[in-house]
Amino acid sequence: MLLVPLIFIPFMAFLIGMSWFLAALGAFTRDAGYLMITIVPLFMFATPIFYSHAALPPPFNFWIYANALTGFVEVMRDVVLFGKLPDMIVYGYTLAISVFSFYFGYWFFDRYRNVIVDVL
């Protein structure tokens, strides 16, 4: 349980980056809310929350990591439920996704900040 903050901090960076990106996107298109209503349930069932990624057949076992939330769920499951250290490759993947999401979301929001003010 002492490793949970090491998982939560990158997860929060991922969420902040996605929030910045979606906030900037939502200022330009009003349909972003309708798109999210469709995508969120899809991501919920495409993320291995209710099942393990090992339960998938071999071709899908690799493609499940295209969903950015898969790494966070797997690492948290290993630490909290199974009490073992996370796989360092998956943890590195989650760190890379977090850093990319954080900086890309900030860059996108900062680039269109003046335009967003004019739109509002």
PDB file of N, CA and C in Angstrom:
ATOM      1  N   MET A   1       0.814  -1.194   0.000  1.00  0.00           N
ATOM      2  CA  MET A   1       0.000   0.000   0.000  1.00  0.00           C
ATOM      3  C   MET A   1       0.859   1.259   0.000  1.00  0.00           C
ATOM      4  N   LEU A   2       2.134   1.142   0.370  1.00  0.00           N
ATOM      5  CA  LEU A   2       3.000   2.310   0.371  1.00  0.00           C
ATOM      6  C   LEU A   2       3.349   2.771  -1.044  1.00  0.00           C
ATOM      7  N   LEU A   3       3.158   1.909  -2.014  1.00  0.00           N
ATOM      8  CA  LEU A   3       3.463   2.263  -3.400  1.00  0.00           C
ATOM      9  C   LEU A   3       2.299   2.937  -4.119  1.00  0.00           C
ATOM     10  N   VAL A   4       1.147   3.021  -3.500  1.00  0.00           N
ATOM     11  CA  VAL A   4      -0.028   3.612  -4.147  1.00  0.00           C
ATOM     12  C   VAL A   4       0.208   5.070  -4.550  1.00  0.00           C
ATOM     13  N   PRO A   5       0.867   5.917  -3.731  1.00  0.00           N
ATOM     14  CA  PRO A   5       1.123   7.287  -4.197  1.00  0.00           C
ATOM     15  C   PRO A   5       2.011   7.337  -5.447  1.00  0.00           C
ATOM     16  N   LEU A   6       2.887   6.361  -5.608  1.00  0.00           N
ATOM     17  CA  LEU A   6       3.725   6.334  -6.813  1.00  0.00           C
ATOM     18  C   LEU A   6       2.917   5.997  -8.061  1.00  0.00           C
ATOM     19  N   ILE A   7       1.732   5.467  -7.864  1.00  0.00           N
ATOM     20  CA  ILE A   7       0.838   5.184  -8.983  1.00  0.00           C
ATOM     21  C   ILE A   7      -0.161   6.327  -9.159  1.00  0.00           C
ATOM     22  N   PHE A   8      -0.620   6.879  -8.044  1.00  0.00           N
ATOM     23  CA  PHE A   8      -1.629   7.939  -8.107  1.00  0.00           C
ATOM     24  C   PHE A   8      -1.094   9.243  -8.696  1.00  0.00           C
ATOM     25  N   ILE A   9       0.145   9.596  -8.403  1.00  0.00           N
ATOM     26  CA  ILE A   9       0.691  10.859  -8.907  1.00  0.00           C
ATOM     27  C   ILE A   9       0.765  10.861 -10.429  1.00  0.00           C
ATOM     28  N   PRO A  10       1.297   9.820 -11.088  1.00  0.00           N
ATOM     29  CA  PRO A  10       1.239   9.824 -12.561  1.00  0.00           C
ATOM     30  C   PRO A  10      -0.190   9.756 -13.095  1.00  0.00           C
ATOM     31  N   PHE A  11      -1.076   9.064 -12.385  1.00  0.00           N
ATOM     32  CA  PHE A  11      -2.468   9.000 -12.831  1.00  0.00           C
ATOM     33  C   PHE A  11      -3.132  10.374 -12.770  1.00  0.00           C
ATOM     34  N   MET A  12      -2.836  11.136 -11.724  1.00  0.00           N
ATOM     35  CA  MET A  12      -3.381  12.487 -11.626  1.00  0.00           C
ATOM     36  C   MET A  12      -2.814  13.385 -12.729  1.00  0.00           C
ATOM     37  N   ALA A  13      -1.527  13.218 -13.060  1.00  0.00           N
ATOM     38  CA  ALA A  13      -0.945  13.988 -14.159  1.00  0.00           C
ATOM     39  C   ALA A  13      -1.628  13.638 -15.475  1.00  0.00           C
ATOM     40  N   PHE A  14      -1.944  12.362 -15.669  1.00  0.00           N
ATOM     41  CA  PHE A  14      -2.670  11.938 -16.865  1.00  0.00           C
ATOM     42  C   PHE A  14      -4.046  12.586 -16.919  1.00  0.00           C
ATOM     43  N   LEU A  15      -4.757  12.584 -15.800  1.00  0.00           N
ATOM     44  CA  LEU A  15      -6.102  13.155 -15.763  1.00  0.00           C
ATOM     45  C   LEU A  15      -6.091  14.667 -15.955  1.00  0.00           C
ATOM     46  N   ILE A  16      -5.104  15.349 -15.389  1.00  0.00           N
ATOM     47  CA  ILE A  16      -5.013  16.797 -15.569  1.00  0.00           C
ATOM     48  C   ILE A  16      -4.742  17.132 -17.026  1.00  0.00           C
ATOM     49  N   GLY A  17      -3.847  16.386 -17.649  1.00  0.00           N
ATOM     50  CA  GLY A  17      -3.566  16.614 -19.069  1.00  0.00           C
ATOM     51  C   GLY A  17      -4.779  16.374 -19.942  1.00  0.00           C
ATOM     52  N   MET A  18      -5.525  15.314 -19.665  1.00  0.00           N
ATOM     53  CA  MET A  18      -6.739  15.047 -20.440  1.00  0.00           C
ATOM     54  C   MET A  18      -7.798  16.118 -20.177  1.00  0.00           C
ATOM     55  N   SER A  19      -7.866  16.611 -18.956  1.00  0.00           N
ATOM     56  CA  SER A  19      -8.832  17.666 -18.638  1.00  0.00           C
ATOM     57  C   SER A  19      -8.505  18.952 -19.378  1.00  0.00           C
ATOM     58  N   TRP A  20      -7.235  19.320 -19.431  1.00  0.00           N
ATOM     59  CA  TRP A  20      -6.840  20.509 -20.186  1.00  0.00           C
ATOM     60  C   TRP A  20      -7.191  20.348 -21.663  1.00  0.00           C
ATOM     61  N   PHE A  21      -6.890  19.191 -22.205  1.00  0.00           N
ATOM     62  CA  PHE A  21      -7.172  18.956 -23.619  1.00  0.00           C
ATOM     63  C   PHE A  21      -8.670  19.009 -23.905  1.00  0.00           C
ATOM     64  N   LEU A  22      -9.456  18.329 -23.082  1.00  0.00           N
ATOM     65  CA  LEU A  22     -10.904  18.302 -23.303  1.00  0.00           C
ATOM     66  C   LEU A  22     -11.561  19.655 -23.028  1.00  0.00           C
ATOM     67  N   ALA A  23     -11.005  20.430 -22.099  1.00  0.00           N
ATOM     68  CA  ALA A  23     -11.548  21.763 -21.839  1.00  0.00           C
ATOM     69  C   ALA A  23     -11.326  22.670 -23.040  1.00  0.00           C
ATOM     70  N   ALA A  24     -10.141  22.600 -23.627  1.00  0.00           N
ATOM     71  CA  ALA A  24      -9.865  23.413 -24.813  1.00  0.00           C
ATOM     72  C   ALA A  24     -10.690  22.939 -26.000  1.00  0.00           C
ATOM     73  N   LEU A  25     -10.833  21.642 -26.147  1.00  0.00           N
ATOM     74  CA  LEU A  25     -11.625  21.102 -27.246  1.00  0.00           C
ATOM     75  C   LEU A  25     -13.099  21.425 -27.064  1.00  0.00           C
ATOM     76  N   GLY A  26     -13.586  21.375 -25.850  1.00  0.00           N
ATOM     77  CA  GLY A  26     -14.985  21.646 -25.574  1.00  0.00           C
ATOM     78  C   GLY A  26     -15.364  23.097 -25.775  1.00  0.00           C
ATOM     79  N   ALA A  27     -14.393  24.002 -25.692  1.00  0.00           N
ATOM     80  CA  ALA A  27     -14.695  25.410 -25.937  1.00  0.00           C
ATOM     81  C   ALA A  27     -14.966  25.669 -27.412  1.00  0.00           C
ATOM     82  N   PHE A  28     -14.358  24.877 -28.281  1.00  0.00           N
ATOM     83  CA  PHE A  28     -14.543  25.069 -29.725  1.00  0.00           C
ATOM     84  C   PHE A  28     -15.740  24.295 -30.270  1.00  0.00           C
ATOM     85  N   THR A  29     -15.961  23.128 -29.759  1.00  0.00           N
ATOM     86  CA  THR A  29     -17.056  22.301 -30.269  1.00  0.00           C
ATOM     87  C   THR A  29     -18.006  21.980 -29.128  1.00  0.00           C
ATOM     88  N   ARG A  30     -19.243  22.251 -29.325  1.00  0.00           N
ATOM     89  CA  ARG A  30     -20.240  21.932 -28.308  1.00  0.00           C
ATOM     90  C   ARG A  30     -20.604  20.452 -28.330  1.00  0.00           C
ATOM     91  N   ASP A  31     -20.220  19.783 -29.391  1.00  0.00           N
ATOM     92  CA  ASP A  31     -20.540  18.359 -29.506  1.00  0.00           C
ATOM     93  C   ASP A  31     -19.573  17.471 -28.742  1.00  0.00           C
ATOM     94  N   ALA A  32     -18.564  18.036 -28.108  1.00  0.00           N
ATOM     95  CA  ALA A  32     -17.598  17.227 -27.364  1.00  0.00           C
ATOM     96  C   ALA A  32     -18.271  16.494 -26.207  1.00  0.00           C
ATOM     97  N   GLY A  33     -19.282  17.098 -25.610  1.00  0.00           N
ATOM     98  CA  GLY A  33     -20.023  16.434 -24.530  1.00  0.00           C
ATOM     99  C   GLY A  33     -20.754  15.202 -25.010  1.00  0.00           C
ATOM    100  N   TYR A  34     -21.337  15.288 -26.197  1.00  0.00           N
ATOM    101  CA  TYR A  34     -22.036  14.126 -26.761  1.00  0.00           C
ATOM    102  C   TYR A  34     -21.049  13.028 -27.140  1.00  0.00           C
ATOM    103  N   LEU A  35     -19.874  13.442 -27.597  1.00  0.00           N
ATOM    104  CA  LEU A  35     -18.843  12.464 -27.929  1.00  0.00           C
ATOM    105  C   LEU A  35     -18.369  11.726 -26.678  1.00  0.00           C
ATOM    106  N   MET A  36     -18.234  12.445 -25.573  1.00  0.00           N
ATOM    107  CA  MET A  36     -17.778  11.821 -24.336  1.00  0.00           C
ATOM    108  C   MET A  36     -18.811  10.853 -23.776  1.00  0.00           C
ATOM    109  N   ILE A  37     -20.088  11.146 -23.970  1.00  0.00           N
ATOM    110  CA  ILE A  37     -21.133  10.230 -23.515  1.00  0.00           C
ATOM    111  C   ILE A  37     -21.010   8.889 -24.228  1.00  0.00           C
ATOM    112  N   THR A  38     -20.554   8.914 -25.468  1.00  0.00           N
ATOM    113  CA  THR A  38     -20.373   7.684 -26.231  1.00  0.00           C
ATOM    114  C   THR A  38     -19.070   6.981 -25.888  1.00  0.00           C
ATOM    115  N   ILE A  39     -18.012   7.751 -25.672  1.00  0.00           N
ATOM    116  CA  ILE A  39     -16.684   7.163 -25.502  1.00  0.00           C
ATOM    117  C   ILE A  39     -16.462   6.596 -24.100  1.00  0.00           C
ATOM    118  N   VAL A  40     -16.988   7.236 -23.078  1.00  0.00           N
ATOM    119  CA  VAL A  40     -16.710   6.796 -21.700  1.00  0.00           C
ATOM    120  C   VAL A  40     -17.183   5.367 -21.432  1.00  0.00           C
ATOM    121  N   PRO A  41     -18.406   4.965 -21.793  1.00  0.00           N
ATOM    122  CA  PRO A  41     -18.764   3.557 -21.581  1.00  0.00           C
ATOM    123  C   PRO A  41     -17.921   2.592 -22.415  1.00  0.00           C
ATOM    124  N   LEU A  42     -17.516   3.026 -23.592  1.00  0.00           N
ATOM    125  CA  LEU A  42     -16.655   2.191 -24.419  1.00  0.00           C
ATOM    126  C   LEU A  42     -15.305   1.969 -23.744  1.00  0.00           C
ATOM    127  N   PHE A  43     -14.722   3.023 -23.205  1.00  0.00           N
ATOM    128  CA  PHE A  43     -13.453   2.880 -22.492  1.00  0.00           C
ATOM    129  C   PHE A  43     -13.607   2.061 -21.217  1.00  0.00           C
ATOM    130  N   MET A  44     -14.758   2.153 -20.578  1.00  0.00           N
ATOM    131  CA  MET A  44     -14.963   1.390 -19.351  1.00  0.00           C
ATOM    132  C   MET A  44     -14.923  -0.115 -19.631  1.00  0.00           C
ATOM    133  N   PHE A  45     -15.543  -0.530 -20.723  1.00  0.00           N
ATOM    134  CA  PHE A  45     -15.533  -1.955 -21.030  1.00  0.00           C
ATOM    135  C   PHE A  45     -14.289  -2.377 -21.793  1.00  0.00           C
ATOM    136  N   ALA A  46     -13.585  -1.437 -22.413  1.00  0.00           N
ATOM    137  CA  ALA A  46     -12.342  -1.767 -23.108  1.00  0.00           C
ATOM    138  C   ALA A  46     -11.142  -1.750 -22.164  1.00  0.00           C
ATOM    139  N   THR A  47     -11.316  -1.196 -20.982  1.00  0.00           N
ATOM    140  CA  THR A  47     -10.255  -1.208 -19.977  1.00  0.00           C
ATOM    141  C   THR A  47     -10.444  -2.435 -19.108  1.00  0.00           C
ATOM    142  N   PRO A  48      -9.375  -3.167 -18.819  1.00  0.00           N
ATOM    143  CA  PRO A  48      -9.536  -4.394 -18.026  1.00  0.00           C
ATOM    144  C   PRO A  48      -9.775  -4.114 -16.541  1.00  0.00           C
ATOM    145  N   ILE A  49     -10.901  -3.499 -16.249  1.00  0.00           N
ATOM    146  CA  ILE A  49     -11.279  -3.254 -14.860  1.00  0.00           C
ATOM    147  C   ILE A  49     -12.011  -4.470 -14.310  1.00  0.00           C
ATOM    148  N   PHE A  50     -12.921  -5.006 -15.099  1.00  0.00           N
ATOM    149  CA  PHE A  50     -13.740  -6.133 -14.663  1.00  0.00           C
ATOM    150  C   PHE A  50     -13.096  -7.474 -14.973  1.00  0.00           C
ATOM    151  N   TYR A  51     -11.997  -7.469 -15.686  1.00  0.00           N
ATOM    152  CA  TYR A  51     -11.299  -8.694 -16.068  1.00  0.00           C
ATOM    153  C   TYR A  51      -9.810  -8.405 -16.143  1.00  0.00           C
ATOM    154  N   SER A  52      -9.007  -9.432 -16.136  1.00  0.00           N
ATOM    155  CA  SER A  52      -7.564  -9.271 -16.266  1.00  0.00           C
ATOM    156  C   SER A  52      -7.183  -9.298 -17.738  1.00  0.00           C
ATOM    157  N   HIS A  53      -6.113  -8.624 -18.073  1.00  0.00           N
ATOM    158  CA  HIS A  53      -5.684  -8.638 -19.474  1.00  0.00           C
ATOM    159  C   HIS A  53      -5.164 -10.008 -19.876  1.00  0.00           C
ATOM    160  N   ALA A  54      -4.814 -10.825 -18.906  1.00  0.00           N
ATOM    161  CA  ALA A  54      -4.343 -12.183 -19.213  1.00  0.00           C
ATOM    162  C   ALA A  54      -5.495 -13.078 -19.666  1.00  0.00           C
ATOM    163  N   ALA A  55      -6.728 -12.682 -19.410  1.00  0.00           N
ATOM    164  CA  ALA A  55      -7.888 -13.477 -19.820  1.00  0.00           C
ATOM    165  C   ALA A  55      -8.198 -13.324 -21.305  1.00  0.00           C
ATOM    166  N   LEU A  56      -7.561 -12.366 -21.943  1.00  0.00           N
ATOM    167  CA  LEU A  56      -7.802 -12.147 -23.373  1.00  0.00           C
ATOM    168  C   LEU A  56      -6.965 -13.093 -24.209  1.00  0.00           C
ATOM    169  N   PRO A  57      -7.417 -13.418 -25.417  1.00  0.00           N
ATOM    170  CA  PRO A  57      -6.602 -14.239 -26.307  1.00  0.00           C
ATOM    171  C   PRO A  57      -5.337 -13.477 -26.719  1.00  0.00           C
ATOM    172  N   PRO A  58      -4.305 -14.193 -27.159  1.00  0.00           N
ATOM    173  CA  PRO A  58      -3.010 -13.565 -27.445  1.00  0.00           C
ATOM    174  C   PRO A  58      -3.022 -12.368 -28.402  1.00  0.00           C
ATOM    175  N   PRO A  59      -3.775 -12.318 -29.476  1.00  0.00           N
ATOM    176  CA  PRO A  59      -3.688 -11.096 -30.294  1.00  0.00           C
ATOM    177  C   PRO A  59      -4.218  -9.851 -29.582  1.00  0.00           C
ATOM    178  N   PHE A  60      -5.256 -10.008 -28.768  1.00  0.00           N
ATOM    179  CA  PHE A  60      -5.832  -8.865 -28.080  1.00  0.00           C
ATOM    180  C   PHE A  60      -5.057  -8.510 -26.816  1.00  0.00           C
ATOM    181  N   ASN A  61      -4.242  -9.427 -26.335  1.00  0.00           N
ATOM    182  CA  ASN A  61      -3.460  -9.192 -25.142  1.00  0.00           C
ATOM    183  C   ASN A  61      -2.511  -8.010 -25.329  1.00  0.00           C
ATOM    184  N   PHE A  62      -1.972  -7.844 -26.536  1.00  0.00           N
ATOM    185  CA  PHE A  62      -1.080  -6.724 -26.829  1.00  0.00           C
ATOM    186  C   PHE A  62      -1.874  -5.448 -27.117  1.00  0.00           C
ATOM    187  N   TRP A  63      -2.968  -5.557 -27.845  1.00  0.00           N
ATOM    188  CA  TRP A  63      -3.729  -4.384 -28.274  1.00  0.00           C
ATOM    189  C   TRP A  63      -4.519  -3.735 -27.141  1.00  0.00           C
ATOM    190  N   ILE A  64      -4.694  -4.425 -26.035  1.00  0.00           N
ATOM    191  CA  ILE A  64      -5.415  -3.832 -24.917  1.00  0.00           C
ATOM    192  C   ILE A  64      -4.629  -2.667 -24.328  1.00  0.00           C
ATOM    193  N   TYR A  65      -3.320  -2.647 -24.530  1.00  0.00           N
ATOM    194  CA  TYR A  65      -2.498  -1.549 -24.024  1.00  0.00           C
ATOM    195  C   TYR A  65      -2.582  -0.301 -24.895  1.00  0.00           C
ATOM    196  N   ALA A  66      -3.322  -0.337 -25.996  1.00  0.00           N
ATOM    197  CA  ALA A  66      -3.588   0.889 -26.757  1.00  0.00           C
ATOM    198  C   ALA A  66      -4.480   1.823 -25.946  1.00  0.00           C
ATOM    199  N   ASN A  67      -5.258   1.266 -25.045  1.00  0.00           N
ATOM    200  CA  ASN A  67      -6.038   2.065 -24.112  1.00  0.00           C
ATOM    201  C   ASN A  67      -5.087   2.540 -23.010  1.00  0.00           C
ATOM    202  N   ALA A  68      -4.995   3.837 -22.813  1.00  0.00           N
ATOM    203  CA  ALA A  68      -4.036   4.397 -21.866  1.00  0.00           C
ATOM    204  C   ALA A  68      -4.333   4.013 -20.421  1.00  0.00           C
ATOM    205  N   LEU A  69      -5.572   3.704 -20.099  1.00  0.00           N
ATOM    206  CA  LEU A  69      -5.932   3.372 -18.724  1.00  0.00           C
ATOM    207  C   LEU A  69      -5.558   1.950 -18.323  1.00  0.00           C
ATOM    208  N   THR A  70      -5.250   1.105 -19.292  1.00  0.00           N
ATOM    209  CA  THR A  70      -4.928  -0.287 -18.995  1.00  0.00           C
ATOM    210  C   THR A  70      -3.709  -0.411 -18.095  1.00  0.00           C
ATOM    211  N   GLY A  71      -2.679   0.349 -18.382  1.00  0.00           N
ATOM    212  CA  GLY A  71      -1.470   0.283 -17.561  1.00  0.00           C
ATOM    213  C   GLY A  71      -1.717   0.686 -16.123  1.00  0.00           C
ATOM    214  N   PHE A  72      -2.494   1.741 -15.922  1.00  0.00           N
ATOM    215  CA  PHE A  72      -2.796   2.184 -14.564  1.00  0.00           C
ATOM    216  C   PHE A  72      -3.587   1.130 -13.801  1.00  0.00           C
ATOM    217  N   VAL A  73      -4.554   0.511 -14.458  1.00  0.00           N
ATOM    218  CA  VAL A  73      -5.381  -0.499 -13.804  1.00  0.00           C
ATOM    219  C   VAL A  73      -4.539  -1.724 -13.451  1.00  0.00           C
ATOM    220  N   GLU A  74      -3.692  -2.158 -14.358  1.00  0.00           N
ATOM    221  CA  GLU A  74      -2.871  -3.345 -14.105  1.00  0.00           C
ATOM    222  C   GLU A  74      -1.866  -3.108 -12.975  1.00  0.00           C
ATOM    223  N   VAL A  75      -1.230  -1.945 -12.977  1.00  0.00           N
ATOM    224  CA  VAL A  75      -0.255  -1.650 -11.926  1.00  0.00           C
ATOM    225  C   VAL A  75      -0.950  -1.537 -10.571  1.00  0.00           C
ATOM    226  N   MET A  76      -2.095  -0.875 -10.528  1.00  0.00           N
ATOM    227  CA  MET A  76      -2.828  -0.737  -9.261  1.00  0.00           C
ATOM    228  C   MET A  76      -3.337  -2.090  -8.776  1.00  0.00           C
ATOM    229  N   ARG A  77      -3.767  -2.935  -9.686  1.00  0.00           N
ATOM    230  CA  ARG A  77      -4.238  -4.269  -9.303  1.00  0.00           C
ATOM    231  C   ARG A  77      -3.088  -5.092  -8.717  1.00  0.00           C
ATOM    232  N   ASP A  78      -1.915  -5.006  -9.334  1.00  0.00           N
ATOM    233  CA  ASP A  78      -0.766  -5.749  -8.816  1.00  0.00           C
ATOM    234  C   ASP A  78      -0.388  -5.296  -7.416  1.00  0.00           C
ATOM    235  N   VAL A  79      -0.383  -3.998  -7.184  1.00  0.00           N
ATOM    236  CA  VAL A  79       0.053  -3.477  -5.889  1.00  0.00           C
ATOM    237  C   VAL A  79      -0.989  -3.694  -4.805  1.00  0.00           C
ATOM    238  N   VAL A  80      -2.240  -3.361  -5.085  1.00  0.00           N
ATOM    239  CA  VAL A  80      -3.263  -3.370  -4.026  1.00  0.00           C
ATOM    240  C   VAL A  80      -3.852  -4.758  -3.810  1.00  0.00           C
ATOM    241  N   LEU A  81      -4.253  -5.425  -4.866  1.00  0.00           N
ATOM    242  CA  LEU A  81      -4.941  -6.704  -4.691  1.00  0.00           C
ATOM    243  C   LEU A  81      -3.984  -7.877  -4.503  1.00  0.00           C
ATOM    244  N   PHE A  82      -2.929  -7.924  -5.307  1.00  0.00           N
ATOM    245  CA  PHE A  82      -2.037  -9.078  -5.259  1.00  0.00           C
ATOM    246  C   PHE A  82      -0.834  -8.864  -4.352  1.00  0.00           C
ATOM    247  N   GLY A  83      -0.551  -7.628  -3.959  1.00  0.00           N
ATOM    248  CA  GLY A  83       0.537  -7.347  -3.033  1.00  0.00           C
ATOM    249  C   GLY A  83       1.909  -7.603  -3.605  1.00  0.00           C
ATOM    250  N   LYS A  84       2.070  -7.424  -4.902  1.00  0.00           N
ATOM    251  CA  LYS A  84       3.390  -7.618  -5.505  1.00  0.00           C
ATOM    252  C   LYS A  84       3.814  -6.341  -6.208  1.00  0.00           C
ATOM    253  N   LEU A  85       5.099  -6.232  -6.463  1.00  0.00           N
ATOM    254  CA  LEU A  85       5.617  -5.071  -7.168  1.00  0.00           C
ATOM    255  C   LEU A  85       5.108  -5.067  -8.602  1.00  0.00           C
ATOM    256  N   PRO A  86       4.829  -3.893  -9.132  1.00  0.00           N
ATOM    257  CA  PRO A  86       4.314  -3.847 -10.506  1.00  0.00           C
ATOM    258  C   PRO A  86       5.398  -4.195 -11.519  1.00  0.00           C
ATOM    259  N   ASP A  87       4.966  -4.631 -12.675  1.00  0.00           N
ATOM    260  CA  ASP A  87       5.878  -4.889 -13.771  1.00  0.00           C
ATOM    261  C   ASP A  87       6.485  -3.559 -14.199  1.00  0.00           C
ATOM    262  N   MET A  88       7.804  -3.480 -14.254  1.00  0.00           N
ATOM    263  CA  MET A  88       8.461  -2.207 -14.537  1.00  0.00           C
ATOM    264  C   MET A  88       8.233  -1.730 -15.970  1.00  0.00           C
ATOM    265  N   ILE A  89       8.011  -2.629 -16.885  1.00  0.00           N
ATOM    266  CA  ILE A  89       7.725  -2.218 -18.261  1.00  0.00           C
ATOM    267  C   ILE A  89       6.361  -1.529 -18.311  1.00  0.00           C
ATOM    268  N   VAL A  90       5.377  -2.099 -17.655  1.00  0.00           N
ATOM    269  CA  VAL A  90       4.035  -1.505 -17.632  1.00  0.00           C
ATOM    270  C   VAL A  90       4.061  -0.195 -16.845  1.00  0.00           C
ATOM    271  N   TYR A  91       4.815  -0.152 -15.745  1.00  0.00           N
ATOM    272  CA  TYR A  91       4.916   1.076 -14.966  1.00  0.00           C
ATOM    273  C   TYR A  91       5.617   2.170 -15.764  1.00  0.00           C
ATOM    274  N   GLY A  92       6.642   1.823 -16.507  1.00  0.00           N
ATOM    275  CA  GLY A  92       7.302   2.792 -17.383  1.00  0.00           C
ATOM    276  C   GLY A  92       6.370   3.294 -18.468  1.00  0.00           C
ATOM    277  N   TYR A  93       5.538   2.393 -18.980  1.00  0.00           N
ATOM    278  CA  TYR A  93       4.527   2.779 -19.969  1.00  0.00           C
ATOM    279  C   TYR A  93       3.551   3.776 -19.364  1.00  0.00           C
ATOM    280  N   THR A  94       3.107   3.541 -18.142  1.00  0.00           N
ATOM    281  CA  THR A  94       2.173   4.471 -17.511  1.00  0.00           C
ATOM    282  C   THR A  94       2.832   5.822 -17.242  1.00  0.00           C
ATOM    283  N   LEU A  95       4.101   5.812 -16.861  1.00  0.00           N
ATOM    284  CA  LEU A  95       4.798   7.079 -16.655  1.00  0.00           C
ATOM    285  C   LEU A  95       4.930   7.854 -17.963  1.00  0.00           C
ATOM    286  N   ALA A  96       5.257   7.148 -19.041  1.00  0.00           N
ATOM    287  CA  ALA A  96       5.391   7.811 -20.339  1.00  0.00           C
ATOM    288  C   ALA A  96       4.062   8.389 -20.803  1.00  0.00           C
ATOM    289  N   ILE A  97       2.986   7.636 -20.636  1.00  0.00           N
ATOM    290  CA  ILE A  97       1.658   8.128 -21.015  1.00  0.00           C
ATOM    291  C   ILE A  97       1.275   9.334 -20.171  1.00  0.00           C
ATOM    292  N   SER A  98       1.602   9.308 -18.889  1.00  0.00           N
ATOM    293  CA  SER A  98       1.277  10.422 -18.002  1.00  0.00           C
ATOM    294  C   SER A  98       2.009  11.695 -18.400  1.00  0.00           C
ATOM    295  N   VAL A  99       3.297  11.566 -18.636  1.00  0.00           N
ATOM    296  CA  VAL A  99       4.093  12.742 -19.011  1.00  0.00           C
ATOM    297  C   VAL A  99       3.625  13.291 -20.350  1.00  0.00           C
ATOM    298  N   PHE A 100       3.373  12.411 -21.309  1.00  0.00           N
ATOM    299  CA  PHE A 100       2.895  12.862 -22.617  1.00  0.00           C
ATOM    300  C   PHE A 100       1.543  13.555 -22.505  1.00  0.00           C
ATOM    301  N   SER A 101       0.618  12.962 -21.778  1.00  0.00           N
ATOM    302  CA  SER A 101      -0.709  13.544 -21.629  1.00  0.00           C
ATOM    303  C   SER A 101      -0.640  14.893 -20.922  1.00  0.00           C
ATOM    304  N   PHE A 102       0.160  14.977 -19.876  1.00  0.00           N
ATOM    305  CA  PHE A 102       0.273  16.216 -19.118  1.00  0.00           C
ATOM    306  C   PHE A 102       0.821  17.342 -19.990  1.00  0.00           C
ATOM    307  N   TYR A 103       1.931  17.098 -20.670  1.00  0.00           N
ATOM    308  CA  TYR A 103       2.544  18.148 -21.466  1.00  0.00           C
ATOM    309  C   TYR A 103       1.759  18.455 -22.736  1.00  0.00           C
ATOM    310  N   PHE A 104       1.189  17.449 -23.378  1.00  0.00           N
ATOM    311  CA  PHE A 104       0.387  17.707 -24.566  1.00  0.00           C
ATOM    312  C   PHE A 104      -0.882  18.463 -24.212  1.00  0.00           C
ATOM    313  N   GLY A 105      -1.536  18.084 -23.130  1.00  0.00           N
ATOM    314  CA  GLY A 105      -2.746  18.792 -22.702  1.00  0.00           C
ATOM    315  C   GLY A 105      -2.452  20.235 -22.340  1.00  0.00           C
ATOM    316  N   TYR A 106      -1.344  20.459 -21.634  1.00  0.00           N
ATOM    317  CA  TYR A 106      -0.968  21.828 -21.287  1.00  0.00           C
ATOM    318  C   TYR A 106      -0.608  22.624 -22.533  1.00  0.00           C
ATOM    319  N   TRP A 107       0.142  22.021 -23.437  1.00  0.00           N
ATOM    320  CA  TRP A 107       0.521  22.700 -24.674  1.00  0.00           C
ATOM    321  C   TRP A 107      -0.713  23.065 -25.491  1.00  0.00           C
ATOM    322  N   PHE A 108      -1.650  22.141 -25.636  1.00  0.00           N
ATOM    323  CA  PHE A 108      -2.855  22.387 -26.421  1.00  0.00           C
ATOM    324  C   PHE A 108      -3.697  23.487 -25.781  1.00  0.00           C
ATOM    325  N   PHE A 109      -3.857  23.426 -24.461  1.00  0.00           N
ATOM    326  CA  PHE A 109      -4.644  24.438 -23.766  1.00  0.00           C
ATOM    327  C   PHE A 109      -3.967  25.801 -23.831  1.00  0.00           C
ATOM    328  N   ASP A 110      -2.655  25.833 -23.639  1.00  0.00           N
ATOM    329  CA  ASP A 110      -1.923  27.085 -23.660  1.00  0.00           C
ATOM    330  C   ASP A 110      -1.890  27.691 -25.060  1.00  0.00           C
ATOM    331  N   ARG A 111      -1.812  26.867 -26.074  1.00  0.00           N
ATOM    332  CA  ARG A 111      -1.763  27.357 -27.452  1.00  0.00           C
ATOM    333  C   ARG A 111      -3.071  28.026 -27.844  1.00  0.00           C
ATOM    334  N   TYR A 112      -4.178  27.485 -27.408  1.00  0.00           N
ATOM    335  CA  TYR A 112      -5.484  28.021 -27.774  1.00  0.00           C
ATOM    336  C   TYR A 112      -6.135  28.839 -26.669  1.00  0.00           C
ATOM    337  N   ARG A 113      -5.379  29.212 -25.658  1.00  0.00           N
ATOM    338  CA  ARG A 113      -5.946  29.951 -24.525  1.00  0.00           C
ATOM    339  C   ARG A 113      -6.532  31.297 -24.955  1.00  0.00           C
ATOM    340  N   ASN A 114      -5.814  32.045 -25.768  1.00  0.00           N
ATOM    341  CA  ASN A 114      -6.321  33.347 -26.212  1.00  0.00           C
ATOM    342  C   ASN A 114      -7.539  33.199 -27.117  1.00  0.00           C
ATOM    343  N   VAL A 115      -7.571  32.155 -27.904  1.00  0.00           N
ATOM    344  CA  VAL A 115      -8.707  31.920 -28.795  1.00  0.00           C
ATOM    345  C   VAL A 115      -9.920  31.483 -27.976  1.00  0.00           C
ATOM    346  N   ILE A 116      -9.690  30.715 -26.928  1.00  0.00           N
ATOM    347  CA  ILE A 116     -10.795  30.247 -26.086  1.00  0.00           C
ATOM    348  C   ILE A 116     -11.467  31.433 -25.411  1.00  0.00           C
ATOM    349  N   VAL A 117     -10.681  32.401 -24.970  1.00  0.00           N
ATOM    350  CA  VAL A 117     -11.244  33.593 -24.329  1.00  0.00           C
ATOM    351  C   VAL A 117     -12.129  34.357 -25.327  1.00  0.00           C
ATOM    352  N   ASP A 118     -11.704  34.444 -26.565  1.00  0.00           N
ATOM    353  CA  ASP A 118     -12.507  35.120 -27.583  1.00  0.00           C
ATOM    354  C   ASP A 118     -13.790  34.355 -27.895  1.00  0.00           C
ATOM    355  N   VAL A 119     -13.718  33.018 -27.868  1.00  0.00           N
ATOM    356  CA  VAL A 119     -14.905  32.206 -28.153  1.00  0.00           C
ATOM    357  C   VAL A 119     -15.932  32.343 -27.048  1.00  0.00           C
ATOM    358  N   LEU A 120     -15.461  32.345 -25.813  1.00  0.00           N
ATOM    359  CA  LEU A 120     -16.381  32.467 -24.673  1.00  0.00           C
ATOM    360  C   LEU A 120     -16.934  33.858 -24.583  1.00  0.00           C
TER     361      LEU A 120
END
